[in-house]
C-alpha cells in the first residue's frame, strides 16, 4: 500500500504524488473521503509539470514503463486468473489482484485490449484523496471525475486512458485504465468510447 493515507491526484496517477511528509508535495488535508481543492500559485508547476488540458481530457507525458502497468499486475504472485464473460462475448474479466483488503484491481479483456478497474474503499482504509477542481472534466453517472490519457516519452504509439472518480456516498475511489493507440498525439478512441466501455464493464456483475 501507500506510505501515507493522504493522496493527491496529480493528473493521471493517485500513486504518483503523496502528501506529507514530503515538503515539495502540496498538502492534502481534511477528513476521510474526497476533497476538491484549488491549485495554489506556488503548486501550479507541480501539477502541470507534464500535463496539458484538452477539451475532453488531460494529456500527460509519462515514462514508457507505465504502459506495462496492467501486465505488471497480471504477473504478480497474488494475482488470480479468472474467466468471466457473462452475456458479452467481447468483454470479460481475466484477472483479479488485491493490493490490500480494501483496494482491489480487476483486469478485463475488451475486444482483446487490456483494461483494469481499481476500487479503493477510502472509508475502510481511513484515507482521503485531494483532487484539483480545475482537473475535473467528466461527469459519469452521479459522480464527477478526471479523464486523462498518458503518452509515453519518448514517443510510441502506445497510450493509456485513465478515468478516476469517487462515489461520495460510499467513499469508494475508482480508477479505470484502458490501453489505446495514439498517432501524432491523437488516441484512436474518444471520450465517449472510453465511458461506454466503462459502463459495459460495470454492468458485467
N, C-alpha and C. Protein backbone atom coordinates (compact mmCIF):
# COMPACT_ATOMS: atom_id res chain seq x y z
N UNK A 1 0.83 -1.19 0.00
CA UNK A 1 0.00 0.00 0.00
C UNK A 1 0.87 1.24 0.00
N UNK A 2 0.24 2.37 0.32
CA UNK A 2 0.91 3.64 0.24
C UNK A 2 1.57 4.00 1.56
N UNK A 3 2.67 4.80 1.52
CA UNK A 3 3.34 5.17 2.76
C UNK A 3 2.54 6.14 3.61
N UNK A 4 1.60 6.86 3.01
CA UNK A 4 0.70 7.71 3.78
C UNK A 4 -0.71 7.50 3.23
N UNK A 5 -1.68 7.93 3.96
CA UNK A 5 -3.06 7.73 3.54
C UNK A 5 -3.69 8.99 2.95
N UNK A 6 -2.88 10.03 2.71
CA UNK A 6 -3.38 11.22 2.04
C UNK A 6 -2.80 11.24 0.64
N UNK A 7 -3.64 11.14 -0.37
CA UNK A 7 -3.17 11.01 -1.74
C UNK A 7 -3.66 12.20 -2.56
N UNK A 8 -2.78 12.72 -3.40
CA UNK A 8 -3.13 13.80 -4.30
C UNK A 8 -3.26 13.22 -5.70
N UNK A 9 -4.34 13.53 -6.39
CA UNK A 9 -4.43 13.16 -7.79
C UNK A 9 -3.78 14.26 -8.60
N UNK A 10 -2.59 13.99 -9.09
CA UNK A 10 -1.88 14.94 -9.94
C UNK A 10 -2.03 14.46 -11.37
N UNK A 11 -3.22 14.69 -11.92
CA UNK A 11 -3.44 14.26 -13.27
C UNK A 11 -3.74 12.78 -13.34
N UNK A 12 -2.75 11.99 -13.75
CA UNK A 12 -3.01 10.60 -14.09
C UNK A 12 -3.02 9.65 -12.91
N UNK A 13 -2.07 9.76 -12.00
CA UNK A 13 -1.85 8.71 -11.02
C UNK A 13 -2.26 9.13 -9.62
N UNK A 14 -2.91 8.27 -8.88
CA UNK A 14 -3.06 8.52 -7.46
C UNK A 14 -1.77 8.13 -6.74
N UNK A 15 -1.03 7.18 -7.30
CA UNK A 15 0.16 6.69 -6.61
C UNK A 15 1.41 7.47 -6.98
N UNK A 16 1.30 8.52 -7.81
CA UNK A 16 2.49 9.24 -8.24
C UNK A 16 2.82 10.42 -7.35
N UNK A 17 1.87 10.83 -6.51
CA UNK A 17 2.11 12.01 -5.70
C UNK A 17 1.53 11.80 -4.32
N UNK A 18 2.37 11.96 -3.30
CA UNK A 18 1.93 11.74 -1.94
C UNK A 18 1.96 13.05 -1.16
N UNK A 19 1.12 13.11 -0.16
CA UNK A 19 1.13 14.28 0.71
C UNK A 19 2.23 14.13 1.75
N UNK A 20 2.04 14.76 2.94
CA UNK A 20 3.06 14.74 3.98
C UNK A 20 3.69 13.36 4.08
N UNK A 21 4.96 13.20 4.39
CA UNK A 21 5.83 14.23 4.93
C UNK A 21 6.74 14.91 3.90
N UNK A 22 6.47 14.79 2.59
CA UNK A 22 7.35 15.35 1.59
C UNK A 22 7.00 16.81 1.35
N UNK A 23 7.92 17.72 1.71
CA UNK A 23 7.63 19.15 1.72
C UNK A 23 7.31 19.69 0.34
N UNK A 24 7.90 19.10 -0.73
CA UNK A 24 7.69 19.64 -2.07
C UNK A 24 6.32 19.29 -2.64
N UNK A 25 5.60 18.39 -2.00
CA UNK A 25 4.29 17.96 -2.47
C UNK A 25 3.21 18.80 -1.79
N UNK A 26 2.23 19.32 -2.53
CA UNK A 26 1.15 20.08 -1.89
C UNK A 26 0.45 19.27 -0.81
N UNK A 27 -0.05 19.98 0.19
CA UNK A 27 -0.72 19.34 1.31
C UNK A 27 -2.07 18.77 0.86
N UNK A 28 -2.46 17.68 1.49
CA UNK A 28 -3.78 17.09 1.26
C UNK A 28 -4.42 16.88 2.62
N UNK A 29 -5.03 17.93 3.14
CA UNK A 29 -5.61 17.90 4.47
C UNK A 29 -7.11 17.64 4.40
N UNK A 30 -7.67 17.29 5.54
CA UNK A 30 -9.11 17.08 5.60
C UNK A 30 -9.46 15.74 6.21
N UNK A 31 -10.75 15.40 6.13
CA UNK A 31 -11.22 14.16 6.70
C UNK A 31 -11.16 13.02 5.71
N UNK A 32 -11.77 11.90 6.06
CA UNK A 32 -11.80 10.73 5.21
C UNK A 32 -12.69 11.01 3.99
N UNK A 33 -12.26 10.53 2.83
CA UNK A 33 -13.04 10.69 1.62
C UNK A 33 -12.34 11.56 0.60
N UNK A 34 -13.11 12.25 -0.23
CA UNK A 34 -12.54 13.05 -1.31
C UNK A 34 -12.72 14.53 -1.00
N UNK A 35 -11.69 15.30 -1.37
CA UNK A 35 -11.71 16.75 -1.18
C UNK A 35 -11.32 17.40 -2.49
N UNK A 36 -12.14 18.33 -2.96
CA UNK A 36 -11.84 19.07 -4.19
C UNK A 36 -11.14 20.37 -3.81
N UNK A 37 -9.99 20.61 -4.40
CA UNK A 37 -9.13 21.71 -3.96
C UNK A 37 -8.83 22.68 -5.09
N UNK A 38 -8.45 23.89 -4.70
CA UNK A 38 -7.92 24.87 -5.64
C UNK A 38 -6.41 24.71 -5.71
N UNK A 39 -5.84 24.95 -6.88
CA UNK A 39 -4.39 24.87 -7.03
C UNK A 39 -3.77 26.21 -6.67
N UNK A 40 -2.91 26.20 -5.66
CA UNK A 40 -2.21 27.43 -5.28
C UNK A 40 -1.18 27.78 -6.35
N UNK A 41 -0.90 29.06 -6.48
CA UNK A 41 0.08 29.51 -7.48
C UNK A 41 1.43 28.82 -7.27
N UNK A 42 1.81 28.63 -6.01
CA UNK A 42 3.10 28.01 -5.72
C UNK A 42 3.16 26.54 -6.13
N UNK A 43 1.98 25.92 -6.29
CA UNK A 43 1.93 24.49 -6.64
C UNK A 43 1.63 24.24 -8.11
N UNK A 44 1.41 25.29 -8.87
CA UNK A 44 0.98 25.12 -10.27
C UNK A 44 2.01 24.37 -11.10
N UNK A 45 3.29 24.63 -10.90
CA UNK A 45 4.32 23.93 -11.66
C UNK A 45 4.31 22.44 -11.36
N UNK A 46 4.03 22.09 -10.10
CA UNK A 46 3.97 20.67 -9.72
C UNK A 46 2.86 19.96 -10.49
N UNK A 47 1.68 20.55 -10.53
CA UNK A 47 0.54 19.90 -11.16
C UNK A 47 0.65 19.86 -12.68
N UNK A 48 1.27 20.89 -13.26
CA UNK A 48 1.30 20.98 -14.72
C UNK A 48 2.67 20.65 -15.30
N UNK A 49 3.51 19.97 -14.52
CA UNK A 49 4.86 19.65 -14.99
C UNK A 49 4.84 18.85 -16.29
N UNK A 50 3.87 17.94 -16.45
CA UNK A 50 3.80 17.12 -17.67
C UNK A 50 2.36 16.97 -18.13
N UNK A 51 1.53 17.98 -17.83
CA UNK A 51 0.10 17.88 -18.08
C UNK A 51 -0.38 19.01 -18.99
N UNK A 52 -1.18 18.65 -19.97
CA UNK A 52 -1.82 19.62 -20.86
C UNK A 52 -3.33 19.39 -20.79
N UNK A 53 -4.09 20.47 -20.62
CA UNK A 53 -5.54 20.37 -20.58
C UNK A 53 -6.11 20.48 -21.99
N UNK A 54 -6.83 19.44 -22.41
CA UNK A 54 -7.59 19.48 -23.66
C UNK A 54 -9.07 19.66 -23.32
N UNK A 55 -9.88 19.77 -24.34
CA UNK A 55 -11.31 19.97 -24.11
C UNK A 55 -11.94 18.80 -23.37
N UNK A 56 -11.58 17.57 -23.75
CA UNK A 56 -12.23 16.38 -23.20
C UNK A 56 -11.42 15.63 -22.16
N UNK A 57 -10.11 15.83 -22.12
CA UNK A 57 -9.26 15.04 -21.23
C UNK A 57 -7.93 15.75 -21.02
N UNK A 58 -7.18 15.27 -20.02
CA UNK A 58 -5.83 15.74 -19.79
C UNK A 58 -4.86 14.87 -20.58
N UNK A 59 -3.87 15.47 -21.19
CA UNK A 59 -2.78 14.72 -21.84
C UNK A 59 -1.57 14.80 -20.93
N UNK A 60 -1.02 13.63 -20.61
CA UNK A 60 0.06 13.57 -19.63
C UNK A 60 1.23 12.76 -20.19
N UNK A 61 2.40 13.35 -20.18
CA UNK A 61 3.61 12.64 -20.57
C UNK A 61 4.11 11.79 -19.42
N UNK A 62 4.50 10.56 -19.72
CA UNK A 62 4.95 9.65 -18.66
C UNK A 62 6.05 8.75 -19.19
N UNK A 63 6.68 8.04 -18.28
CA UNK A 63 7.73 7.11 -18.68
C UNK A 63 7.11 5.93 -19.43
N UNK A 64 7.86 5.41 -20.37
CA UNK A 64 7.35 4.35 -21.24
C UNK A 64 6.99 3.10 -20.43
N UNK A 65 7.66 2.89 -19.30
CA UNK A 65 7.38 1.70 -18.48
C UNK A 65 5.93 1.68 -17.98
N UNK A 66 5.32 2.85 -17.87
CA UNK A 66 3.95 2.90 -17.37
C UNK A 66 2.97 2.17 -18.29
N UNK A 67 3.31 2.06 -19.55
CA UNK A 67 2.42 1.37 -20.49
C UNK A 67 2.25 -0.11 -20.13
N UNK A 68 3.13 -0.63 -19.28
CA UNK A 68 3.08 -2.05 -18.90
C UNK A 68 2.41 -2.28 -17.54
N UNK A 69 1.73 -1.27 -17.01
CA UNK A 69 1.20 -1.40 -15.65
C UNK A 69 0.20 -2.54 -15.52
N UNK A 70 -0.64 -2.76 -16.54
CA UNK A 70 -1.62 -3.84 -16.43
C UNK A 70 -0.92 -5.19 -16.49
N UNK A 71 0.04 -5.34 -17.39
CA UNK A 71 0.81 -6.59 -17.45
C UNK A 71 1.54 -6.84 -16.14
N UNK A 72 2.03 -5.77 -15.53
CA UNK A 72 2.72 -5.91 -14.25
C UNK A 72 1.80 -6.55 -13.21
N UNK A 73 0.56 -6.05 -13.13
CA UNK A 73 -0.38 -6.61 -12.16
C UNK A 73 -0.77 -8.05 -12.53
N UNK A 74 -0.86 -8.34 -13.82
CA UNK A 74 -1.19 -9.70 -14.24
C UNK A 74 -0.18 -10.72 -13.72
N UNK A 75 1.08 -10.31 -13.66
CA UNK A 75 2.16 -11.26 -13.38
C UNK A 75 2.57 -11.33 -11.91
N UNK A 76 1.88 -10.61 -11.04
CA UNK A 76 2.20 -10.67 -9.62
C UNK A 76 1.74 -12.00 -9.03
N UNK A 77 2.44 -12.43 -7.99
CA UNK A 77 2.18 -13.75 -7.40
C UNK A 77 0.75 -13.86 -6.85
N UNK A 78 0.23 -12.76 -6.30
CA UNK A 78 -1.10 -12.81 -5.69
C UNK A 78 -2.24 -12.66 -6.69
N UNK A 79 -1.92 -12.49 -7.97
CA UNK A 79 -2.94 -12.33 -8.99
C UNK A 79 -3.59 -13.67 -9.32
N UNK A 80 -4.92 -13.67 -9.40
CA UNK A 80 -5.66 -14.87 -9.75
C UNK A 80 -6.22 -14.74 -11.16
N UNK A 81 -6.06 -15.80 -11.96
CA UNK A 81 -6.62 -15.83 -13.31
C UNK A 81 -8.05 -16.31 -13.25
N UNK A 82 -8.95 -15.61 -13.94
CA UNK A 82 -10.35 -15.99 -13.95
C UNK A 82 -10.86 -15.91 -15.39
N UNK A 83 -12.04 -16.46 -15.61
CA UNK A 83 -12.66 -16.43 -16.94
C UNK A 83 -14.14 -16.17 -16.75
N UNK A 84 -14.52 -14.90 -16.94
CA UNK A 84 -15.89 -14.49 -16.66
C UNK A 84 -16.38 -13.61 -17.80
N UNK A 85 -17.23 -14.19 -18.66
CA UNK A 85 -17.75 -13.48 -19.83
C UNK A 85 -19.27 -13.60 -19.88
N UNK A 86 -19.98 -12.94 -18.99
CA UNK A 86 -21.44 -13.08 -18.95
C UNK A 86 -22.15 -12.22 -20.00
N UNK A 87 -22.74 -12.86 -20.97
CA UNK A 87 -23.63 -12.19 -21.92
C UNK A 87 -22.94 -11.18 -22.83
N UNK A 88 -21.65 -10.97 -22.69
CA UNK A 88 -20.95 -10.04 -23.56
C UNK A 88 -19.71 -10.76 -24.10
N UNK A 89 -19.78 -11.20 -25.34
CA UNK A 89 -18.74 -12.05 -25.89
C UNK A 89 -17.38 -11.36 -25.95
N UNK A 90 -17.36 -10.06 -26.12
CA UNK A 90 -16.10 -9.37 -26.35
C UNK A 90 -15.54 -8.69 -25.11
N UNK A 91 -16.23 -8.78 -23.98
CA UNK A 91 -15.75 -8.18 -22.74
C UNK A 91 -15.83 -9.21 -21.63
N UNK A 92 -14.74 -9.40 -20.91
CA UNK A 92 -14.76 -10.34 -19.80
C UNK A 92 -13.66 -10.09 -18.81
N UNK A 93 -13.83 -10.58 -17.60
CA UNK A 93 -12.79 -10.50 -16.57
C UNK A 93 -11.75 -11.57 -16.83
N UNK A 94 -10.49 -11.20 -16.66
CA UNK A 94 -9.41 -12.17 -16.86
C UNK A 94 -8.56 -12.39 -15.62
N UNK A 95 -8.40 -11.36 -14.78
CA UNK A 95 -7.56 -11.49 -13.59
C UNK A 95 -8.11 -10.60 -12.47
N UNK A 96 -7.78 -10.99 -11.24
CA UNK A 96 -8.08 -10.15 -10.09
C UNK A 96 -6.85 -10.11 -9.19
N UNK A 97 -6.51 -8.90 -8.71
CA UNK A 97 -5.30 -8.74 -7.91
C UNK A 97 -5.59 -7.79 -6.74
N UNK A 98 -5.72 -8.32 -5.53
CA UNK A 98 -5.93 -7.45 -4.37
C UNK A 98 -4.61 -6.83 -3.91
N UNK A 99 -4.56 -5.50 -3.89
CA UNK A 99 -3.38 -4.82 -3.33
C UNK A 99 -3.44 -4.84 -1.81
N UNK A 100 -4.65 -4.78 -1.29
CA UNK A 100 -4.87 -4.82 0.15
C UNK A 100 -6.31 -5.27 0.37
N UNK A 101 -6.72 -5.31 1.62
CA UNK A 101 -8.09 -5.73 1.92
C UNK A 101 -9.12 -4.78 1.34
N UNK A 102 -8.72 -3.52 1.13
CA UNK A 102 -9.69 -2.50 0.72
C UNK A 102 -9.38 -1.89 -0.65
N UNK A 103 -8.39 -2.42 -1.35
CA UNK A 103 -8.04 -1.90 -2.68
C UNK A 103 -7.79 -3.10 -3.60
N UNK A 104 -8.65 -3.24 -4.62
CA UNK A 104 -8.61 -4.43 -5.47
C UNK A 104 -8.59 -4.01 -6.94
N UNK A 105 -7.73 -4.66 -7.72
CA UNK A 105 -7.64 -4.43 -9.16
C UNK A 105 -8.27 -5.61 -9.90
N UNK A 106 -9.16 -5.32 -10.84
CA UNK A 106 -9.74 -6.34 -11.70
C UNK A 106 -9.35 -6.02 -13.14
N UNK A 107 -8.82 -7.02 -13.84
CA UNK A 107 -8.35 -6.83 -15.21
C UNK A 107 -9.35 -7.47 -16.17
N UNK A 108 -9.55 -6.79 -17.29
CA UNK A 108 -10.54 -7.20 -18.29
C UNK A 108 -9.89 -7.29 -19.66
N UNK A 109 -10.55 -8.03 -20.53
CA UNK A 109 -10.22 -8.01 -21.95
C UNK A 109 -11.41 -7.39 -22.68
N UNK A 110 -11.14 -6.36 -23.47
CA UNK A 110 -12.18 -5.67 -24.23
C UNK A 110 -11.81 -5.77 -25.70
N UNK A 111 -12.45 -6.71 -26.40
CA UNK A 111 -12.08 -6.96 -27.80
C UNK A 111 -10.58 -7.23 -27.94
N UNK A 112 -10.03 -7.94 -26.97
CA UNK A 112 -8.62 -8.27 -27.00
C UNK A 112 -7.69 -7.21 -26.44
N UNK A 113 -8.24 -6.08 -26.00
CA UNK A 113 -7.45 -4.97 -25.44
C UNK A 113 -7.56 -5.00 -23.93
N UNK A 114 -6.44 -4.77 -23.24
CA UNK A 114 -6.43 -4.80 -21.78
C UNK A 114 -7.10 -3.57 -21.18
N UNK A 115 -7.85 -3.79 -20.11
CA UNK A 115 -8.42 -2.72 -19.30
C UNK A 115 -8.32 -3.16 -17.84
N UNK A 116 -8.35 -2.20 -16.92
CA UNK A 116 -8.27 -2.53 -15.50
C UNK A 116 -9.12 -1.55 -14.71
N UNK A 117 -9.83 -2.07 -13.71
CA UNK A 117 -10.61 -1.25 -12.81
C UNK A 117 -10.11 -1.47 -11.39
N UNK A 118 -9.71 -0.38 -10.74
CA UNK A 118 -9.26 -0.42 -9.35
C UNK A 118 -10.35 0.20 -8.49
N UNK A 119 -10.70 -0.49 -7.42
CA UNK A 119 -11.67 0.03 -6.47
C UNK A 119 -11.01 0.11 -5.09
N UNK A 120 -11.12 1.29 -4.48
CA UNK A 120 -10.44 1.53 -3.20
C UNK A 120 -11.45 2.14 -2.23
N UNK A 121 -11.71 1.45 -1.13
CA UNK A 121 -12.63 1.94 -0.12
C UNK A 121 -11.90 2.92 0.80
N UNK A 122 -12.15 4.21 0.60
CA UNK A 122 -11.50 5.23 1.41
C UNK A 122 -11.96 5.15 2.86
N UNK A 123 -13.24 4.86 3.05
CA UNK A 123 -13.77 4.79 4.41
C UNK A 123 -13.10 3.66 5.20
N UNK A 124 -13.02 2.48 4.59
CA UNK A 124 -12.43 1.34 5.30
C UNK A 124 -10.94 1.52 5.53
N UNK A 125 -10.28 2.22 4.61
CA UNK A 125 -8.83 2.43 4.74
C UNK A 125 -8.51 3.71 5.50
N UNK A 126 -9.55 4.46 5.92
CA UNK A 126 -9.37 5.74 6.62
C UNK A 126 -8.44 6.65 5.81
N UNK A 127 -8.76 6.77 4.53
CA UNK A 127 -7.91 7.52 3.60
C UNK A 127 -8.66 8.71 3.01
N UNK A 128 -7.92 9.63 2.45
CA UNK A 128 -8.52 10.76 1.75
C UNK A 128 -7.76 11.02 0.46
N UNK A 129 -8.46 11.61 -0.49
CA UNK A 129 -7.88 11.98 -1.78
C UNK A 129 -8.19 13.43 -2.05
N UNK A 130 -7.22 14.17 -2.53
CA UNK A 130 -7.41 15.55 -2.93
C UNK A 130 -7.35 15.65 -4.45
N UNK A 131 -8.36 16.29 -5.03
CA UNK A 131 -8.46 16.42 -6.48
C UNK A 131 -8.56 17.90 -6.84
N UNK A 132 -7.67 18.41 -7.68
CA UNK A 132 -7.80 19.82 -8.11
C UNK A 132 -9.10 20.04 -8.88
N UNK A 133 -9.83 21.05 -8.50
CA UNK A 133 -11.12 21.32 -9.16
C UNK A 133 -10.95 21.53 -10.66
N UNK A 134 -9.86 22.18 -11.06
CA UNK A 134 -9.70 22.51 -12.47
C UNK A 134 -9.34 21.30 -13.33
N UNK A 135 -9.04 20.16 -12.70
CA UNK A 135 -8.78 18.93 -13.46
C UNK A 135 -10.07 18.16 -13.75
N UNK A 136 -11.14 18.46 -13.03
CA UNK A 136 -12.40 17.73 -13.22
C UNK A 136 -12.95 18.06 -14.61
N UNK A 137 -13.15 17.04 -15.41
CA UNK A 137 -13.57 17.27 -16.79
C UNK A 137 -14.64 16.29 -17.28
N UNK A 138 -15.15 15.45 -16.37
CA UNK A 138 -16.08 14.41 -16.81
C UNK A 138 -17.14 14.14 -15.75
N UNK A 139 -18.38 14.00 -16.20
CA UNK A 139 -19.46 13.55 -15.34
C UNK A 139 -19.80 12.12 -15.74
N UNK A 140 -19.82 11.23 -14.76
CA UNK A 140 -20.15 9.83 -15.04
C UNK A 140 -21.13 9.34 -13.99
N UNK A 141 -22.28 8.88 -14.48
CA UNK A 141 -23.37 8.54 -13.58
C UNK A 141 -23.62 9.74 -12.67
N UNK A 142 -23.53 9.59 -11.36
CA UNK A 142 -23.80 10.73 -10.47
C UNK A 142 -22.51 11.32 -9.90
N UNK A 143 -21.36 10.95 -10.47
CA UNK A 143 -20.08 11.41 -9.93
C UNK A 143 -19.32 12.24 -10.97
N UNK A 144 -18.44 13.09 -10.46
CA UNK A 144 -17.56 13.85 -11.32
C UNK A 144 -16.15 13.29 -11.18
N UNK A 145 -15.38 13.37 -12.26
CA UNK A 145 -14.06 12.76 -12.21
C UNK A 145 -13.08 13.39 -13.19
N UNK A 146 -11.91 12.76 -13.27
CA UNK A 146 -10.81 13.26 -14.09
C UNK A 146 -10.49 12.21 -15.15
N UNK A 147 -10.64 12.59 -16.42
CA UNK A 147 -10.30 11.72 -17.53
C UNK A 147 -8.98 12.20 -18.12
N UNK A 148 -8.04 11.27 -18.27
CA UNK A 148 -6.72 11.64 -18.79
C UNK A 148 -6.20 10.53 -19.69
N UNK A 149 -5.21 10.88 -20.47
CA UNK A 149 -4.53 9.87 -21.29
C UNK A 149 -3.03 10.09 -21.16
N UNK A 150 -2.33 9.00 -20.89
CA UNK A 150 -0.88 9.07 -20.76
C UNK A 150 -0.24 8.69 -22.09
N UNK A 151 0.77 9.47 -22.46
CA UNK A 151 1.53 9.20 -23.67
C UNK A 151 2.99 9.07 -23.29
N UNK A 152 3.60 7.99 -23.74
CA UNK A 152 4.97 7.69 -23.33
C UNK A 152 5.95 8.70 -23.91
N UNK A 153 6.96 9.02 -23.11
CA UNK A 153 8.09 9.84 -23.53
C UNK A 153 9.35 8.99 -23.35
N UNK A 154 10.15 8.68 -24.39
CA UNK A 154 9.97 9.12 -25.77
C UNK A 154 8.73 8.51 -26.41
N UNK A 155 8.29 9.13 -27.49
CA UNK A 155 7.00 8.81 -28.08
C UNK A 155 6.96 7.39 -28.63
N UNK A 156 5.82 6.74 -28.41
CA UNK A 156 5.49 5.47 -29.05
C UNK A 156 4.03 5.56 -29.49
N UNK A 157 3.53 4.54 -30.12
CA UNK A 157 2.11 4.54 -30.48
C UNK A 157 1.24 4.07 -29.32
N UNK A 158 1.86 3.53 -28.27
CA UNK A 158 1.08 3.07 -27.12
C UNK A 158 0.66 4.24 -26.25
N UNK A 159 -0.56 4.19 -25.76
CA UNK A 159 -1.02 5.18 -24.79
C UNK A 159 -2.03 4.52 -23.86
N UNK A 160 -2.41 5.21 -22.80
CA UNK A 160 -3.27 4.62 -21.79
C UNK A 160 -4.26 5.65 -21.26
N UNK A 161 -5.55 5.33 -21.39
CA UNK A 161 -6.57 6.17 -20.79
C UNK A 161 -6.66 5.87 -19.29
N UNK A 162 -7.04 6.90 -18.53
CA UNK A 162 -7.42 6.66 -17.13
C UNK A 162 -8.56 7.60 -16.77
N UNK A 163 -9.58 7.03 -16.17
CA UNK A 163 -10.67 7.83 -15.60
C UNK A 163 -10.73 7.54 -14.11
N UNK A 164 -10.61 8.59 -13.30
CA UNK A 164 -10.62 8.45 -11.84
C UNK A 164 -11.81 9.22 -11.28
N UNK A 165 -12.60 8.53 -10.46
CA UNK A 165 -13.74 9.19 -9.83
C UNK A 165 -14.04 8.52 -8.50
N UNK A 166 -14.69 9.27 -7.62
CA UNK A 166 -15.04 8.76 -6.30
C UNK A 166 -16.53 8.86 -6.10
N UNK A 167 -17.15 7.76 -5.69
CA UNK A 167 -18.56 7.80 -5.32
C UNK A 167 -18.64 8.31 -3.89
N UNK A 168 -19.19 9.50 -3.74
CA UNK A 168 -19.08 10.21 -2.48
C UNK A 168 -19.94 9.59 -1.37
N UNK A 169 -21.03 8.91 -1.73
CA UNK A 169 -21.90 8.33 -0.70
C UNK A 169 -21.19 7.19 0.03
N UNK A 170 -20.62 6.25 -0.75
CA UNK A 170 -19.95 5.11 -0.11
C UNK A 170 -18.44 5.29 -0.02
N UNK A 171 -17.92 6.43 -0.50
CA UNK A 171 -16.49 6.76 -0.40
C UNK A 171 -15.61 5.69 -1.04
N UNK A 172 -16.00 5.23 -2.22
CA UNK A 172 -15.16 4.30 -2.98
C UNK A 172 -14.50 5.08 -4.13
N UNK A 173 -13.18 5.02 -4.15
CA UNK A 173 -12.44 5.67 -5.23
C UNK A 173 -12.18 4.64 -6.32
N UNK A 174 -12.45 5.03 -7.56
CA UNK A 174 -12.33 4.13 -8.71
C UNK A 174 -11.32 4.68 -9.71
N UNK A 175 -10.55 3.78 -10.29
CA UNK A 175 -9.60 4.14 -11.35
C UNK A 175 -9.78 3.14 -12.49
N UNK A 176 -10.15 3.65 -13.66
CA UNK A 176 -10.34 2.80 -14.83
C UNK A 176 -9.24 3.08 -15.84
N UNK A 177 -8.51 2.01 -16.22
CA UNK A 177 -7.42 2.11 -17.18
C UNK A 177 -7.80 1.36 -18.46
N UNK A 178 -7.47 1.95 -19.61
CA UNK A 178 -7.77 1.31 -20.88
C UNK A 178 -6.65 1.61 -21.87
N UNK A 179 -6.06 0.55 -22.42
CA UNK A 179 -4.98 0.75 -23.38
C UNK A 179 -5.55 1.22 -24.72
N UNK A 180 -4.73 2.01 -25.43
CA UNK A 180 -5.14 2.56 -26.71
C UNK A 180 -3.90 2.74 -27.58
N UNK A 181 -4.11 3.16 -28.81
CA UNK A 181 -3.04 3.52 -29.73
C UNK A 181 -3.18 5.00 -30.07
N UNK A 182 -2.07 5.71 -30.01
CA UNK A 182 -2.07 7.14 -30.31
C UNK A 182 -1.17 7.41 -31.50
N UNK A 183 -1.65 8.21 -32.40
CA UNK A 183 -0.88 8.57 -33.60
C UNK A 183 -0.82 10.09 -33.70
N UNK A 184 0.40 10.61 -33.73
CA UNK A 184 0.62 12.06 -33.76
C UNK A 184 -0.09 12.74 -32.58
N UNK A 185 -0.07 12.05 -31.43
CA UNK A 185 -0.67 12.60 -30.22
C UNK A 185 -2.16 12.46 -30.11
N UNK A 186 -2.79 11.74 -31.04
CA UNK A 186 -4.24 11.60 -31.02
C UNK A 186 -4.63 10.15 -30.78
N UNK A 187 -5.45 9.88 -29.74
CA UNK A 187 -5.88 8.50 -29.46
C UNK A 187 -6.89 8.01 -30.50
N UNK A 188 -6.95 6.69 -30.66
CA UNK A 188 -7.92 6.13 -31.61
C UNK A 188 -9.33 6.14 -31.04
N UNK A 189 -9.44 6.10 -29.69
CA UNK A 189 -10.75 6.13 -29.04
C UNK A 189 -11.09 7.55 -28.61
N UNK A 190 -12.36 7.80 -28.44
CA UNK A 190 -12.84 9.10 -27.98
C UNK A 190 -13.25 9.00 -26.51
N UNK A 191 -13.53 10.15 -25.92
CA UNK A 191 -14.05 10.18 -24.55
C UNK A 191 -15.32 9.34 -24.44
N UNK A 192 -16.21 9.48 -25.42
CA UNK A 192 -17.46 8.71 -25.40
C UNK A 192 -17.19 7.21 -25.48
N UNK A 193 -16.20 6.81 -26.28
CA UNK A 193 -15.84 5.39 -26.38
C UNK A 193 -15.40 4.84 -25.03
N UNK A 194 -14.54 5.59 -24.34
CA UNK A 194 -14.00 5.14 -23.06
C UNK A 194 -15.12 4.97 -22.03
N UNK A 195 -16.00 5.95 -21.95
CA UNK A 195 -17.09 5.88 -20.97
C UNK A 195 -18.09 4.78 -21.31
N UNK A 196 -18.30 4.52 -22.60
CA UNK A 196 -19.19 3.44 -23.00
C UNK A 196 -18.61 2.09 -22.59
N UNK A 197 -17.31 1.90 -22.79
CA UNK A 197 -16.66 0.66 -22.38
C UNK A 197 -16.72 0.50 -20.87
N UNK A 198 -16.47 1.57 -20.13
CA UNK A 198 -16.55 1.52 -18.68
C UNK A 198 -17.94 1.13 -18.23
N UNK A 199 -18.97 1.69 -18.84
CA UNK A 199 -20.34 1.36 -18.48
C UNK A 199 -20.61 -0.13 -18.68
N UNK A 200 -20.12 -0.68 -19.79
CA UNK A 200 -20.33 -2.10 -20.05
C UNK A 200 -19.59 -2.97 -19.03
N UNK A 201 -18.40 -2.55 -18.65
CA UNK A 201 -17.64 -3.31 -17.65
C UNK A 201 -18.36 -3.29 -16.30
N UNK A 202 -18.86 -2.13 -15.90
CA UNK A 202 -19.57 -2.04 -14.62
C UNK A 202 -20.85 -2.86 -14.62
N UNK A 203 -21.40 -3.10 -15.80
CA UNK A 203 -22.63 -3.87 -15.90
C UNK A 203 -22.37 -5.38 -15.97
N UNK A 204 -21.12 -5.79 -16.01
CA UNK A 204 -20.80 -7.22 -16.08
C UNK A 204 -21.32 -7.97 -14.85
N UNK A 205 -21.15 -7.34 -13.69
CA UNK A 205 -21.52 -8.01 -12.44
C UNK A 205 -23.03 -8.01 -12.24
